[in-house]
Amino acid sequence: ERLTAKQALNMIQYCRDGGFINGSTSLITFDMLTFNAALNIFCLGSVSFTWEKGGKIKWNYIMQSLSVDVYTGDNVLRDLTLTFLVITMLGMNTIFELLEIVHSVRRFQI
């Protein structure tokens, strides 16, 4: 569903007030990772908004999914290996996000 002009302006003002965007912002990307436990599917979604000269805002999205039905059966070693891999990747992502926050705080002196 599309936003009305007023809703979009309210959301942009909220981002400005929170210090998420300013006059030099040209791109915002929202990433989201979800897991559907009933279907054993991960979904990675990414929505990008690009501000162009003249005020036009282009948007794009990407959705990727991964089925994890490999956890069925009696192969305990495989299950533990995949679980360890997912936890390791989650940990690495958390570290990268924290480093990005630190970099932003230093850059913008928040």
Foldseek 3Di string as FASTA:
>chain_A
DDDDPVVVVVVVVVCVVVVNDDPPDFKDKDWDWDADPVQQKIKIKIKMWGADPPGDIDIDMDIDMDHDPVPDDDPPVVVVVVVVVVVVVVVVVVVVVVVVVVVVCVVVVD
